[in-house]
Amino acid sequence: MTQSRGEALLRPYELAVVLMQLWYTRRRATAGHCRLWLDSAGNQYRPTIQIQVKP
């Protein structure tokens, strides 16, 4: 297995987090999508705040 470099960039844990975020984004519609983007961009918004938001 000489492709250890490629796997190092995308670790199983990171992939799981990304998949969870994408799934959560679809559940929370566009509002959750913006929240996740802001959270990953500036760490200003936390997932807990996203849950407090009600439709």
N, C-alpha and C. Protein backbone atom coordinates (compact mmCIF):
# COMPACT_ATOMS: atom_id res chain seq x y z
N MET A 1 0.85 -1.20 0.00
CA MET A 1 0.00 0.00 0.00
C MET A 1 0.88 1.25 0.00
N THR A 2 1.06 1.82 -1.17
CA THR A 2 1.89 3.02 -1.28
C THR A 2 1.04 4.28 -1.31
N GLN A 3 -0.29 4.13 -1.18
CA GLN A 3 -1.18 5.29 -1.23
C GLN A 3 -1.49 5.78 0.18
N SER A 4 -0.53 5.63 1.10
CA SER A 4 -0.75 6.09 2.47
C SER A 4 -0.84 7.61 2.51
N ARG A 5 -0.19 8.27 1.57
CA ARG A 5 -0.22 9.74 1.55
C ARG A 5 -1.64 10.24 1.29
N GLY A 6 -2.32 9.66 0.29
CA GLY A 6 -3.68 10.10 -0.03
C GLY A 6 -4.62 9.87 1.14
N GLU A 7 -4.47 8.76 1.84
CA GLU A 7 -5.34 8.46 2.97
C GLU A 7 -5.03 9.39 4.14
N ALA A 8 -3.79 9.86 4.22
CA ALA A 8 -3.41 10.75 5.32
C ALA A 8 -4.16 12.07 5.21
N LEU A 9 -4.39 12.52 3.97
CA LEU A 9 -5.10 13.79 3.78
C LEU A 9 -6.55 13.67 4.24
N LEU A 10 -7.19 12.55 3.89
CA LEU A 10 -8.59 12.35 4.29
C LEU A 10 -8.67 11.18 5.26
N ARG A 11 -8.59 11.50 6.53
CA ARG A 11 -8.63 10.45 7.55
C ARG A 11 -10.06 9.96 7.74
N PRO A 12 -10.26 8.72 8.13
CA PRO A 12 -11.61 8.16 8.33
C PRO A 12 -12.44 9.03 9.27
N TYR A 13 -11.80 9.54 10.34
CA TYR A 13 -12.53 10.38 11.30
C TYR A 13 -13.02 11.65 10.63
N GLU A 14 -12.14 12.32 9.89
CA GLU A 14 -12.52 13.57 9.22
C GLU A 14 -13.63 13.30 8.20
N LEU A 15 -13.51 12.19 7.47
CA LEU A 15 -14.55 11.85 6.49
C LEU A 15 -15.88 11.65 7.20
N ALA A 16 -15.86 10.99 8.33
CA ALA A 16 -17.10 10.75 9.08
C ALA A 16 -17.72 12.08 9.51
N VAL A 17 -16.88 13.01 9.98
CA VAL A 17 -17.38 14.32 10.41
C VAL A 17 -18.02 15.05 9.25
N VAL A 18 -17.35 15.02 8.09
CA VAL A 18 -17.89 15.71 6.91
C VAL A 18 -19.23 15.10 6.50
N LEU A 19 -19.30 13.77 6.51
CA LEU A 19 -20.55 13.11 6.13
C LEU A 19 -21.66 13.46 7.12
N MET A 20 -21.33 13.51 8.41
CA MET A 20 -22.32 13.86 9.42
C MET A 20 -22.82 15.29 9.21
N GLN A 21 -21.88 16.20 8.89
CA GLN A 21 -22.26 17.59 8.66
C GLN A 21 -23.17 17.70 7.44
N LEU A 22 -22.82 16.97 6.37
CA LEU A 22 -23.65 17.03 5.16
C LEU A 22 -25.05 16.49 5.45
N TRP A 23 -25.12 15.37 6.19
CA TRP A 23 -26.42 14.79 6.52
C TRP A 23 -27.22 15.74 7.41
N TYR A 24 -26.55 16.33 8.39
CA TYR A 24 -27.21 17.27 9.29
C TYR A 24 -27.68 18.50 8.52
N THR A 25 -26.88 18.91 7.52
CA THR A 25 -27.23 20.08 6.71
C THR A 25 -28.54 19.83 5.97
N ARG A 26 -28.69 18.65 5.40
CA ARG A 26 -29.91 18.35 4.66
C ARG A 26 -31.11 18.31 5.60
N ARG A 27 -30.90 17.87 6.82
CA ARG A 27 -32.00 17.80 7.79
C ARG A 27 -32.41 19.21 8.23
N ARG A 28 -31.45 20.09 8.38
CA ARG A 28 -31.71 21.43 8.89
C ARG A 28 -31.97 22.45 7.79
N ALA A 29 -32.02 21.99 6.53
CA ALA A 29 -32.30 22.89 5.39
C ALA A 29 -31.21 23.94 5.23
N THR A 30 -31.52 25.03 4.54
CA THR A 30 -30.51 26.05 4.22
C THR A 30 -30.00 26.75 5.48
N ALA A 31 -30.86 26.93 6.47
CA ALA A 31 -30.45 27.62 7.69
C ALA A 31 -29.28 26.89 8.34
N GLY A 32 -29.42 25.56 8.50
CA GLY A 32 -28.34 24.77 9.08
C GLY A 32 -27.11 24.80 8.20
N HIS A 33 -27.32 24.86 6.88
CA HIS A 33 -26.20 24.89 5.95
C HIS A 33 -25.34 26.12 6.20
N CYS A 34 -25.97 27.28 6.31
CA CYS A 34 -25.23 28.52 6.55
C CYS A 34 -24.53 28.45 7.91
N ARG A 35 -25.21 27.89 8.89
CA ARG A 35 -24.62 27.79 10.23
C ARG A 35 -23.35 26.94 10.19
N LEU A 36 -23.42 25.81 9.47
CA LEU A 36 -22.26 24.93 9.39
C LEU A 36 -21.11 25.62 8.68
N TRP A 37 -21.43 26.35 7.59
CA TRP A 37 -20.37 27.05 6.85
C TRP A 37 -19.71 28.09 7.74
N LEU A 38 -20.51 28.86 8.48
CA LEU A 38 -19.95 29.88 9.36
C LEU A 38 -19.13 29.23 10.47
N ASP A 39 -19.63 28.10 10.98
CA ASP A 39 -18.92 27.41 12.06
C ASP A 39 -17.55 26.94 11.59
N SER A 40 -17.50 26.39 10.37
CA SER A 40 -16.24 25.86 9.86
C SER A 40 -15.33 27.00 9.39
N ALA A 41 -15.92 28.16 9.07
CA ALA A 41 -15.12 29.26 8.55
C ALA A 41 -14.53 30.11 9.68
N GLY A 42 -15.36 30.54 10.62
CA GLY A 42 -14.86 31.45 11.65
C GLY A 42 -15.01 30.92 13.06
N ASN A 43 -15.60 29.73 13.20
CA ASN A 43 -15.80 29.14 14.54
C ASN A 43 -16.63 30.06 15.43
N GLN A 44 -17.41 30.95 14.82
CA GLN A 44 -18.23 31.87 15.62
C GLN A 44 -19.53 31.19 16.05
N TYR A 45 -20.05 30.33 15.17
CA TYR A 45 -21.31 29.64 15.49
C TYR A 45 -21.02 28.19 15.83
N ARG A 46 -21.64 27.71 16.90
CA ARG A 46 -21.43 26.33 17.32
C ARG A 46 -22.66 25.48 16.96
N PRO A 47 -22.48 24.17 16.79
CA PRO A 47 -23.60 23.28 16.47
C PRO A 47 -24.73 23.39 17.50
N THR A 48 -24.39 23.71 18.75
CA THR A 48 -25.42 23.81 19.80
C THR A 48 -26.38 24.95 19.48
N ILE A 49 -25.85 26.05 18.95
CA ILE A 49 -26.70 27.19 18.59
C ILE A 49 -27.65 26.79 17.46
N GLN A 50 -27.14 25.95 16.57
CA GLN A 50 -27.95 25.52 15.43
C GLN A 50 -29.17 24.74 15.93
N ILE A 51 -28.99 23.93 16.96
CA ILE A 51 -30.10 23.12 17.47
C ILE A 51 -31.15 24.02 18.12
N GLN A 52 -30.73 25.13 18.73
CA GLN A 52 -31.67 26.02 19.41
C GLN A 52 -32.60 26.70 18.42
N VAL A 53 -32.15 26.85 17.18
CA VAL A 53 -32.99 27.51 16.17
C VAL A 53 -34.17 26.62 15.81
N LYS A 54 -35.39 27.15 15.90
CA LYS A 54 -36.58 26.37 15.58
C LYS A 54 -37.25 26.92 14.33
N PRO A 55 -37.84 26.07 13.50
CA PRO A 55 -38.49 26.48 12.25
C PRO A 55 -39.73 27.34 12.51
